[in-house]
Amino acid sequence: MRPPNAFESPILRFSPPIRHAAGYGAGVRGEQEDPAMSDSHTWSVLEARTALRARRLSAREYAEDLIARTRALAALGAYITPTPEFATRAPNPGPLQGIPLAIKDNIDIAGVRTTAATPRLREHIPTADSAAWRLLAAAGAVLLGKTSMHELAYGATGACTAAPTARNPVAPTHLAGGSSSGTAAAVAAGLAPAGLGTDTGGSVRIPAAVCGIIGFRPSTGRYPESGVLHLSPTRDAIGVMARTVPDILLLDAVLTGRKPSTPRGSGPQRLAIPQEGWRDLHPEVHRLATRALDALERAGHQLIPVDESVHGGSLDELLPLAMWVSLAETPAAFRAYLADSTATFEEVIASIASPDVREILTPLLEFPIPEQQYRADLKTQARLRETAAAARTEFAATVMPTTVLPAVPVGSGTHLVHNGVEAPTFPTFLRHTGPAAILGLPSITLPIGATRDGLPVGLQFDGHPQRDIDLLHLAECLSAVINPDRRAPD
């Protein structure tokens, strides 16, 4: 059965009348203006900032528009904890003054639950902000809510047992991807102009790709990481999801404390096309990704086929390494985060509700990853990084489809059928996003259209460590080439 697309969806079809509090917006939009005609949910961050500065509406009205839309689209399951009381507070002055954001529920905000979608943390309320949120709030951002996620961030579909499972706004019979599922769903559905997720092996880029938005994982260590329930401190990165690359550039500037960088044009670039990253793709992913490559080539970019050395080794070698290092670091990372809570690592693991996450993490209680193996894996990672760096010097970026298949249906479990073959869900989705995390690279997924069944597909560009701005400027130039007909949420 053909899933509905974003403009036919029963979830997205209805946008209710929006009622504004008395005293807000008088003389700006006009008291008699039909609030149902508001298009504020389609605004990018920069468009919203322009509208707020021009007094088209107040920051409170803008937040109320998005809150009303969120309530109307509650069936999406984008939020675990909506925070309308935070969203309508007077914002701090700054470059984000009045911009509401959606934040993944493993990133701390003082006074708001951080549940990580797991039962034992259901009432965990941190008393301090994460470093990332401190920067955003100081710049004037306000909080729309804490978003749904794959339990404890250990999954790629967003399916969750003990918290809302975010549905894909473009095709509500399908999942939003994981683990940062709720933020992707909120941005794609027009519930928020942008938001934060976390990315250990693809958890920002996968949901962004399958929901049809932009997802950016920075170089490892680019953003401050305190106040986050980490899985793997050597791999984790807070990432940004939005609908335009300039929005990502603005949020990147706030999170790094640097001046905003204006996108600049660039001439033809040499782009590496890893051959193993283009095998065994879903037919529709292959069709759309190939079409995008054709567009890049017509625009004058050089597409150079390359071997596995750009990743330091084969994808089959990298993916097990990604998983083992994360599992080795998780117990200590969880214990460090839980030090100020009433929960213990053992209690959190014992209470896991989602069967797929329980299957992965419960063995750590009795069989932690041996220290010797962990050290050997880190040495292998260092070798891969050296090999990859040498092989990538002449290229602006490597290019692969973000995922090998589109979003999977609601109800999908630990295994899926891909091109007629049963395969494990988690590593199948991480196949192309995992290398950037292992190699410490900045990585961005850009939407390139939808399958004939209406499911979004993304194309991923991996850059060079600590050259994030170069990658973002490149992405801004390439975005218009590979997807010139982008449409905002309807």
Protein backbone atom coordinates (compact mmCIF):
# COMPACT_ATOMS: atom_id res chain seq x y z
CA MET A 1 0.00 0.00 0.00
CA ARG A 2 1.32 3.43 -0.92
CA PRO A 3 2.03 5.51 2.22
CA PRO A 4 0.69 9.07 2.15
CA ASN A 5 3.15 11.81 1.34
CA ALA A 6 3.61 15.04 3.26
CA PHE A 7 0.87 16.81 1.37
CA GLU A 8 -1.70 14.00 1.57
CA SER A 9 -1.05 12.86 5.13
CA PRO A 10 -4.05 12.73 7.45
CA ILE A 11 -1.73 13.84 10.25
CA LEU A 12 -0.39 16.89 8.45
CA ARG A 13 -3.49 17.92 6.53
CA PHE A 14 -5.13 19.76 9.43
CA SER A 15 -3.68 23.02 10.75
CA PRO A 16 -6.04 24.40 13.41
CA PRO A 17 -6.94 28.01 14.07
CA ILE A 18 -4.32 29.52 16.35
CA ARG A 19 -5.51 31.70 19.22
CA HIS A 20 -3.15 34.38 20.47
CA ALA A 21 -3.05 35.73 23.99
CA ALA A 22 -4.63 39.17 24.38
CA GLY A 23 -2.16 41.99 23.98
CA TYR A 24 0.25 40.15 21.66
CA GLY A 25 0.53 41.18 18.05
CA ALA A 26 -2.03 43.99 18.13
CA GLY A 27 -1.25 46.28 15.22
CA VAL A 28 1.28 43.80 13.80
CA ARG A 29 -0.79 41.04 12.24
CA GLY A 30 -4.05 42.70 13.23
CA GLU A 31 -6.71 41.48 15.62
CA GLN A 32 -9.08 40.53 12.80
CA GLU A 33 -6.54 38.52 10.78
CA ASP A 34 -7.46 34.85 10.44
CA PRO A 35 -4.80 33.09 12.54
CA ALA A 36 -5.34 29.88 10.57
CA MET A 37 -3.58 31.62 7.69
CA SER A 38 -0.34 31.91 9.67
CA ASP A 39 2.60 30.38 7.85
CA SER A 40 5.00 30.64 10.79
CA HIS A 41 5.44 26.86 10.96
CA THR A 42 7.12 26.95 7.53
CA TRP A 43 9.78 29.45 8.56
CA SER A 44 13.42 28.60 8.76
CA VAL A 45 15.36 29.92 11.74
CA LEU A 46 16.61 32.89 9.72
CA GLU A 47 13.14 33.61 8.33
CA ALA A 48 11.71 33.48 11.83
CA ARG A 49 14.38 35.81 13.14
CA THR A 50 13.65 38.30 10.37
CA ALA A 51 9.90 38.13 11.08
CA LEU A 52 10.40 38.61 14.81
CA ARG A 53 12.72 41.56 14.32
CA ALA A 54 10.25 43.13 11.89
CA ARG A 55 7.49 42.63 14.50
CA ARG A 56 5.33 40.55 12.18
CA LEU A 57 4.51 38.79 15.43
CA SER A 58 5.99 38.55 18.90
CA ALA A 59 8.24 35.78 20.14
CA ARG A 60 5.40 34.59 22.35
CA GLU A 61 2.97 34.46 19.44
CA TYR A 62 5.46 32.51 17.35
CA ALA A 63 5.91 29.98 20.14
CA GLU A 64 2.14 29.74 20.59
CA ASP A 65 1.70 29.04 16.87
CA LEU A 66 4.12 26.12 17.11
CA ILE A 67 2.61 24.88 20.38
CA ALA A 68 -0.85 24.84 18.78
CA ARG A 69 0.47 22.93 15.78
CA THR A 70 2.23 20.47 18.09
CA ARG A 71 -1.00 19.80 19.95
CA ALA A 72 -2.89 19.29 16.68
CA LEU A 73 -0.22 16.85 15.49
CA ALA A 74 0.24 15.04 18.80
CA ALA A 75 -0.23 11.73 16.99
CA LEU A 76 3.27 12.17 15.55
CA GLY A 77 4.74 11.44 18.98
CA ALA A 78 7.53 13.96 18.46
CA TYR A 79 7.82 15.00 22.12
CA ILE A 80 8.26 13.13 25.37
CA THR A 81 7.98 16.32 27.44
CA PRO A 82 6.45 19.39 25.75
CA THR A 83 7.38 22.58 27.60
CA PRO A 84 4.95 25.34 26.61
CA GLU A 85 5.75 27.20 29.82
CA PHE A 86 9.41 27.43 28.74
CA ALA A 87 8.60 28.26 25.12
CA THR A 88 6.55 31.33 26.03
CA ARG A 89 9.05 32.87 28.45
CA ALA A 90 10.66 36.17 27.50
CA PRO A 91 13.89 35.22 25.69
CA ASN A 92 17.35 36.57 26.31
CA PRO A 93 18.61 39.08 23.74
CA GLY A 94 20.95 37.66 21.14
CA PRO A 95 21.16 36.15 17.65
CA LEU A 96 18.46 33.57 18.48
CA GLN A 97 16.16 35.92 20.39
CA GLY A 98 12.76 34.19 20.46
CA ILE A 99 13.67 31.17 18.31
CA PRO A 100 12.04 28.01 19.75
CA LEU A 101 14.02 24.78 19.50
CA ALA A 102 13.33 21.07 20.02
CA ILE A 103 15.92 19.20 22.12
CA LYS A 104 16.53 15.45 22.27
CA ASP A 105 15.66 13.92 25.63
CA ASN A 106 19.21 12.92 26.53
CA ILE A 107 20.42 16.55 26.68
CA ASP A 108 19.93 18.25 30.04
CA ILE A 109 17.88 21.37 30.65
CA ALA A 110 17.51 22.43 34.28
CA GLY A 111 14.06 21.77 35.67
CA VAL A 112 12.94 19.57 32.76
CA ARG A 113 12.96 15.78 32.82
CA THR A 114 15.77 13.99 31.00
CA THR A 115 14.32 10.50 30.54
CA ALA A 116 16.37 9.17 27.61
CA ALA A 117 13.10 7.29 26.88
CA THR A 118 13.89 4.70 29.54
CA PRO A 119 11.72 3.77 32.58
CA ARG A 120 14.25 4.25 35.39
CA LEU A 121 14.88 7.88 34.39
CA ARG A 122 11.23 8.81 33.95
CA GLU A 123 11.38 11.23 36.90
CA HIS A 124 15.00 12.32 36.52
CA ILE A 125 15.10 16.14 36.62
CA PRO A 126 18.56 17.68 36.25
CA THR A 127 19.35 20.84 38.19
CA ALA A 128 21.81 22.28 35.66
CA ASP A 129 21.71 22.97 31.94
CA SER A 130 23.88 21.12 29.49
CA ALA A 131 26.69 23.28 28.14
CA ALA A 132 25.05 23.29 24.70
CA TRP A 133 21.71 24.53 26.01
CA ARG A 134 23.41 27.22 28.11
CA LEU A 135 24.91 28.64 24.92
CA LEU A 136 21.66 28.46 22.98
CA ALA A 137 19.57 29.97 25.79
CA ALA A 138 22.11 32.75 26.34
CA ALA A 139 21.76 33.54 22.63
CA GLY A 140 17.98 33.86 23.04
CA ALA A 141 16.64 30.41 22.14
CA VAL A 142 13.59 29.08 24.00
CA LEU A 143 12.61 25.47 24.60
CA LEU A 144 9.63 23.86 22.86
CA GLY A 145 10.19 20.50 24.51
CA LYS A 146 12.30 17.38 24.96
CA THR A 147 11.88 15.06 22.00
CA SER A 148 11.27 11.35 21.52
CA MET A 149 14.19 9.03 20.90
CA HIS A 150 15.17 5.40 20.58
CA GLU A 151 15.58 4.22 24.16
CA LEU A 152 18.98 5.22 25.58
CA ALA A 153 19.95 6.26 22.01
CA TYR A 154 20.77 2.65 21.11
CA GLY A 155 18.83 2.23 17.87
CA ALA A 156 18.37 3.53 14.34
CA THR A 157 14.59 3.45 13.84
CA GLY A 158 13.19 5.48 16.73
CA ALA A 159 10.87 2.65 17.83
CA CYS A 160 10.39 2.85 21.59
CA THR A 161 8.43 0.84 24.15
CA ALA A 162 8.35 3.08 27.25
CA ALA A 163 7.97 6.49 25.55
CA PRO A 164 6.27 7.90 22.46
CA THR A 165 7.50 6.46 19.18
CA ALA A 166 7.93 9.29 16.68
CA ARG A 167 6.20 8.67 13.38
CA ASN A 168 7.53 9.95 10.10
CA PRO A 169 5.67 13.18 9.23
CA VAL A 170 6.00 12.46 5.52
CA ALA A 171 4.61 8.93 5.86
CA PRO A 172 2.96 8.35 9.26
CA THR A 173 2.77 4.60 8.67
CA HIS A 174 6.58 4.64 8.86
CA LEU A 175 9.11 5.42 11.60
CA ALA A 176 11.05 8.66 11.87
CA GLY A 177 14.48 7.01 12.18
CA GLY A 178 16.73 7.07 15.19
CA SER A 179 17.94 7.60 17.57
CA SER A 180 17.13 11.35 17.41
CA SER A 181 13.70 10.57 16.01
CA GLY A 182 11.56 13.20 17.73
CA THR A 183 13.71 16.17 16.78
CA ALA A 184 13.71 15.09 13.13
CA ALA A 185 9.93 14.59 13.19
CA ALA A 186 9.36 17.98 14.85
CA VAL A 187 11.49 19.86 12.32
CA ALA A 188 10.09 17.98 9.31
CA ALA A 189 6.49 18.53 10.45
CA GLY A 190 6.88 22.23 11.12
CA LEU A 191 6.60 21.89 14.89
CA ALA A 192 10.00 23.55 15.32
CA PRO A 193 12.34 25.37 12.94
CA ALA A 194 15.37 23.44 14.19
CA GLY A 195 16.64 21.30 17.04
CA LEU A 196 19.38 19.23 18.58
CA GLY A 197 20.02 15.51 18.58
CA THR A 198 23.04 13.38 19.38
CA ASP A 199 25.01 11.27 16.94
CA THR A 200 27.20 8.32 17.96
CA GLY A 201 27.06 6.40 14.70
CA GLY A 202 24.37 8.17 12.69
CA SER A 203 21.64 9.15 15.14
CA VAL A 204 21.24 12.69 13.75
CA ARG A 205 21.82 11.97 10.08
CA ILE A 206 19.64 8.85 9.79
CA PRO A 207 16.40 10.43 11.07
CA ALA A 208 17.13 13.65 9.19
CA ALA A 209 17.55 11.71 5.94
CA VAL A 210 14.44 9.54 6.28
CA CYS A 211 12.31 12.55 7.32
CA GLY A 212 13.55 14.75 4.48
CA ILE A 213 15.49 17.46 6.35
CA ILE A 214 19.13 18.43 6.90
CA GLY A 215 21.16 16.79 9.65
CA PHE A 216 24.69 17.83 10.64
CA ARG A 217 27.15 15.92 12.79
CA PRO A 218 30.15 18.14 13.57
CA SER A 219 33.74 17.03 13.98
CA THR A 220 34.06 15.09 17.23
CA GLY A 221 34.62 17.57 20.06
CA ARG A 222 33.46 20.69 18.19
CA TYR A 223 30.52 21.38 20.53
CA PRO A 224 30.65 21.26 24.35
CA GLU A 225 29.29 17.90 25.54
CA SER A 226 28.72 18.24 29.31
CA GLY A 227 25.21 17.56 30.57
CA VAL A 228 24.49 14.82 28.04
CA LEU A 229 23.78 11.16 28.71
CA HIS A 230 26.66 9.84 26.63
CA LEU A 231 27.01 6.40 25.10
CA SER A 232 30.56 6.76 23.87
CA PRO A 233 32.57 9.87 24.79
CA THR A 234 35.11 9.26 22.03
CA ARG A 235 32.34 9.03 19.40
CA ASP A 236 29.38 11.08 20.59
CA ALA A 237 28.57 14.46 19.12
CA ILE A 238 25.65 16.81 19.60
CA GLY A 239 24.24 17.44 16.15
CA VAL A 240 21.91 19.99 14.57
CA MET A 241 18.78 19.40 12.46
CA ALA A 242 17.13 22.12 10.41
CA ARG A 243 15.54 22.80 7.04
CA THR A 244 18.30 24.99 5.57
CA VAL A 245 22.10 24.99 5.69
CA PRO A 246 22.29 28.70 6.68
CA ASP A 247 20.29 27.77 9.79
CA ILE A 248 22.87 25.12 10.61
CA LEU A 249 25.64 27.69 10.15
CA LEU A 250 23.93 30.07 12.58
CA LEU A 251 23.41 27.41 15.25
CA ASP A 252 26.98 26.18 14.73
CA ALA A 253 28.24 29.70 15.40
CA VAL A 254 26.29 29.88 18.67
CA LEU A 255 27.45 26.43 19.80
CA THR A 256 31.10 27.22 19.03
CA GLY A 257 31.09 30.83 20.23
CA ARG A 258 32.25 32.03 16.83
CA LYS A 259 30.95 34.72 14.54
CA PRO A 260 28.29 33.51 12.07
CA SER A 261 29.78 32.48 8.77
CA THR A 262 28.01 33.61 5.61
CA PRO A 263 27.75 30.90 2.92
CA ARG A 264 30.03 31.69 0.04
CA GLY A 265 30.04 30.41 -3.49
CA SER A 266 32.64 27.93 -4.62
CA GLY A 267 33.77 26.61 -7.94
CA PRO A 268 33.73 23.01 -9.11
CA GLN A 269 34.94 20.57 -6.47
CA ARG A 270 36.52 17.14 -6.52
CA LEU A 271 34.16 14.75 -4.75
CA ALA A 272 35.11 11.19 -3.82
CA ILE A 273 32.57 8.47 -4.65
CA PRO A 274 33.41 5.39 -2.52
CA GLN A 275 32.41 2.44 -4.66
CA GLU A 276 31.40 0.22 -1.75
CA GLY A 277 29.05 2.97 -0.58
CA TRP A 278 27.01 2.57 -3.76
CA ARG A 279 26.40 -1.18 -3.64
CA ASP A 280 23.33 -3.04 -2.43
CA LEU A 281 21.11 0.05 -2.30
CA HIS A 282 17.33 0.01 -2.25
CA PRO A 283 16.35 0.58 -5.94
CA GLU A 284 14.68 3.91 -5.19
CA VAL A 285 17.61 5.12 -3.09
CA HIS A 286 19.89 4.19 -5.98
CA ARG A 287 17.70 6.02 -8.49
CA LEU A 288 17.49 9.24 -6.51
CA ALA A 289 21.14 9.25 -5.43
CA THR A 290 22.32 8.60 -8.98
CA ARG A 291 20.10 11.43 -10.20
CA ALA A 292 21.73 13.71 -7.62
CA LEU A 293 25.20 12.70 -8.80
CA ASP A 294 24.19 13.48 -12.38
CA ALA A 295 23.09 16.94 -11.25
CA LEU A 296 26.41 17.52 -9.48
CA GLU A 297 28.32 16.47 -12.57
CA ARG A 298 26.26 18.75 -14.81
CA ALA A 299 27.08 21.59 -12.41
CA GLY A 300 30.78 21.00 -13.10
CA HIS A 301 31.84 19.03 -10.04
CA GLN A 302 34.29 16.19 -10.59
CA LEU A 303 33.06 12.85 -9.27
CA ILE A 304 36.01 10.52 -8.69
CA PRO A 305 35.41 6.81 -7.98
CA VAL A 306 37.59 5.71 -5.04
CA ASP A 307 38.24 2.54 -3.07
CA GLU A 308 37.77 1.78 0.60
CA SER A 309 40.94 3.65 1.63
CA VAL A 310 38.93 6.90 2.03
CA HIS A 311 37.36 5.23 5.07
CA GLY A 312 40.62 3.69 6.23
CA GLY A 313 39.26 0.22 5.45
CA SER A 314 36.15 -1.56 4.30
CA LEU A 315 32.75 -0.73 5.72
CA ASP A 316 32.53 -4.34 6.87
CA GLU A 317 35.61 -3.71 9.03
CA LEU A 318 34.46 -0.35 10.37
CA LEU A 319 30.96 -1.23 11.54
CA PRO A 320 31.87 -3.88 14.14
CA LEU A 321 34.54 -1.51 15.44
CA ALA A 322 31.92 1.22 15.83
CA MET A 323 29.72 -1.03 17.92
CA TRP A 324 32.41 -2.56 20.14
CA VAL A 325 34.00 0.76 21.11
CA SER A 326 30.61 2.22 22.01
CA LEU A 327 29.69 -0.80 24.12
CA ALA A 328 33.03 -0.66 25.89
CA GLU A 329 32.55 2.99 26.83
CA THR A 330 28.85 2.94 27.72
CA PRO A 331 29.05 1.63 31.33
CA ALA A 332 31.52 4.28 32.47
CA ALA A 333 29.72 7.01 30.50
CA PHE A 334 26.35 6.13 32.05
CA ARG A 335 27.84 5.92 35.54
CA ALA A 336 29.44 9.34 35.16
CA TYR A 337 26.13 10.89 34.10
CA LEU A 338 24.16 9.12 36.85
CA ALA A 339 26.53 10.19 39.63
CA ASP A 340 24.21 13.06 40.59
CA SER A 341 20.97 11.09 40.23
CA THR A 342 19.21 8.50 42.35
CA ALA A 343 19.54 5.84 39.64
CA THR A 344 22.43 3.46 39.11
CA PHE A 345 23.78 2.02 35.89
CA GLU A 346 22.59 -1.43 36.92
CA GLU A 347 19.07 -0.17 37.62
CA VAL A 348 18.82 1.65 34.32
CA ILE A 349 19.95 -1.38 32.35
CA ALA A 350 17.71 -3.77 34.30
CA SER A 351 14.65 -1.62 33.58
CA ILE A 352 15.12 -1.25 29.81
CA ALA A 353 11.73 -1.66 28.15
CA SER A 354 12.56 -1.91 24.43
CA PRO A 355 13.46 -5.50 23.49
CA ASP A 356 16.10 -4.52 20.91
CA VAL A 357 17.91 -2.23 23.36
CA ARG A 358 17.67 -4.79 26.15
CA GLU A 359 19.26 -7.38 23.87
CA ILE A 360 22.23 -5.08 23.21
CA LEU A 361 22.89 -3.66 26.68
CA THR A 362 21.82 -6.27 29.25
CA PRO A 363 24.88 -8.50 28.58
CA LEU A 364 27.10 -5.63 29.78
CA LEU A 365 25.95 -6.31 33.35
CA GLU A 366 27.74 -9.67 33.37
CA PHE A 367 30.11 -9.47 30.41
CA PRO A 368 31.62 -6.00 29.97
CA ILE A 369 33.91 -5.52 26.99
CA PRO A 370 37.45 -6.52 28.06
CA GLU A 371 39.84 -3.62 28.51
CA GLN A 372 42.42 -5.34 26.29
CA GLN A 373 39.96 -5.55 23.41
CA TYR A 374 38.93 -1.93 23.89
CA ARG A 375 42.54 -0.72 23.75
CA ALA A 376 43.16 -2.80 20.64
CA ASP A 377 40.07 -1.31 19.00
CA LEU A 378 41.26 2.22 19.73
CA LYS A 379 44.59 1.41 18.08
CA THR A 380 42.73 0.08 15.04
CA GLN A 381 40.68 3.27 14.97
CA ALA A 382 43.85 5.39 15.02
CA ARG A 383 45.23 3.38 12.09
CA LEU A 384 42.02 3.82 10.11
CA ARG A 385 42.08 7.56 10.70
CA GLU A 386 45.64 7.87 9.39
CA THR A 387 44.86 5.82 6.29
CA ALA A 388 41.67 7.75 5.60
CA ALA A 389 43.31 11.15 6.06
CA ALA A 390 46.00 10.30 3.51
CA ALA A 391 43.46 9.06 0.98
CA ARG A 392 41.11 12.05 1.29
CA THR A 393 43.51 14.97 0.90
CA GLU A 394 42.63 15.79 -2.71
CA PHE A 395 38.85 15.71 -2.21
CA ALA A 396 36.48 18.27 -0.76
CA ALA A 397 34.18 15.53 0.55
CA THR A 398 33.11 11.94 0.09
CA VAL A 399 29.58 11.28 -1.14
CA MET A 400 27.24 8.36 -0.39
CA PRO A 401 23.52 7.86 0.17
CA THR A 402 22.94 8.55 3.86
CA THR A 403 21.07 5.27 4.30
CA VAL A 404 20.86 2.24 2.04
CA LEU A 405 17.06 2.16 2.32
CA PRO A 406 14.25 4.59 3.24
CA ALA A 407 12.24 4.68 6.47
CA VAL A 408 10.85 1.37 7.68
CA PRO A 409 7.20 0.78 8.65
CA VAL A 410 5.90 1.20 12.17
CA GLY A 411 6.24 -2.15 13.92
CA SER A 412 9.64 -2.97 12.40
CA GLY A 413 11.94 -4.79 14.80
CA THR A 414 15.49 -6.03 15.11
CA HIS A 415 15.55 -7.36 11.55
CA LEU A 416 14.31 -6.12 8.20
CA VAL A 417 14.22 -7.37 4.63
CA HIS A 418 16.54 -5.40 2.39
CA ASN A 419 16.63 -6.23 -1.31
CA GLY A 420 15.04 -9.60 -0.61
CA VAL A 421 17.47 -10.58 2.15
CA GLU A 422 16.84 -10.53 5.90
CA ALA A 423 19.34 -8.26 7.67
CA PRO A 424 19.82 -6.80 11.16
CA THR A 425 18.19 -3.37 11.33
CA PHE A 426 20.75 -1.47 13.41
CA PRO A 427 23.93 -2.10 11.39
CA THR A 428 22.06 -1.89 8.09
CA PHE A 429 21.07 1.71 8.82
CA LEU A 430 24.51 2.62 10.22
CA ARG A 431 26.47 1.31 7.23
CA HIS A 432 27.13 4.72 5.69
CA THR A 433 26.86 6.97 8.73
CA GLY A 434 29.23 4.98 10.95
CA PRO A 435 32.52 5.92 9.24
CA ALA A 436 32.31 9.65 10.05
CA ALA A 437 31.94 8.85 13.75
CA ILE A 438 34.90 6.48 13.74
CA LEU A 439 37.06 8.89 11.76
CA GLY A 440 35.96 12.02 13.68
CA LEU A 441 34.69 13.75 10.53
CA PRO A 442 32.03 16.40 10.08
CA SER A 443 29.16 14.91 8.10
CA ILE A 444 25.94 16.33 6.68
CA THR A 445 22.91 14.78 5.00
CA LEU A 446 20.95 16.76 2.42
CA PRO A 447 17.49 15.80 1.11
CA ILE A 448 17.40 14.75 -2.54
CA GLY A 449 13.74 13.88 -3.04
CA ALA A 450 11.32 11.08 -2.29
CA THR A 451 10.78 7.57 -3.55
CA ARG A 452 7.79 6.72 -5.71
CA ASP A 453 6.11 5.73 -2.44
CA GLY A 454 6.73 9.19 -1.00
CA LEU A 455 9.59 8.29 1.36
CA PRO A 456 12.44 10.85 1.68
CA VAL A 457 16.02 10.00 0.75
CA GLY A 458 19.21 11.81 1.79
CA LEU A 459 22.68 12.18 0.31
CA GLN A 460 25.59 12.37 2.76
CA PHE A 461 28.75 14.45 2.45
CA ASP A 462 31.67 13.69 4.81
CA GLY A 463 34.33 16.38 5.14
CA HIS A 464 37.69 16.72 6.88
CA PRO A 465 38.26 16.82 10.66
CA GLN A 466 37.92 20.31 12.14
CA ARG A 467 37.04 21.80 8.74
CA ASP A 468 33.34 21.96 9.50
CA ILE A 469 32.77 25.40 8.01
CA ASP A 470 34.26 24.28 4.71
CA LEU A 471 31.83 21.37 4.62
CA LEU A 472 28.86 23.57 5.52
CA HIS A 473 29.69 26.10 2.81
CA LEU A 474 30.06 23.27 0.33
CA ALA A 475 26.72 21.81 1.43
CA GLU A 476 25.01 25.18 0.94
CA CYS A 477 26.29 25.33 -2.64
CA LEU A 478 25.44 21.70 -3.42
CA SER A 479 22.01 21.74 -1.81
CA ALA A 480 20.52 23.94 -4.51
CA VAL A 481 22.03 21.70 -7.19
CA ILE A 482 20.76 18.36 -5.93
CA ASN A 483 17.38 19.47 -4.65
CA PRO A 484 16.24 22.79 -6.13
CA ASP A 485 12.54 22.15 -5.44
CA ARG A 486 12.55 21.96 -1.64
CA ARG A 487 9.13 22.59 -0.09
CA ALA A 488 8.44 23.70 3.46
CA PRO A 489 6.01 21.81 5.71
CA ASP A 490 2.43 22.09 4.52
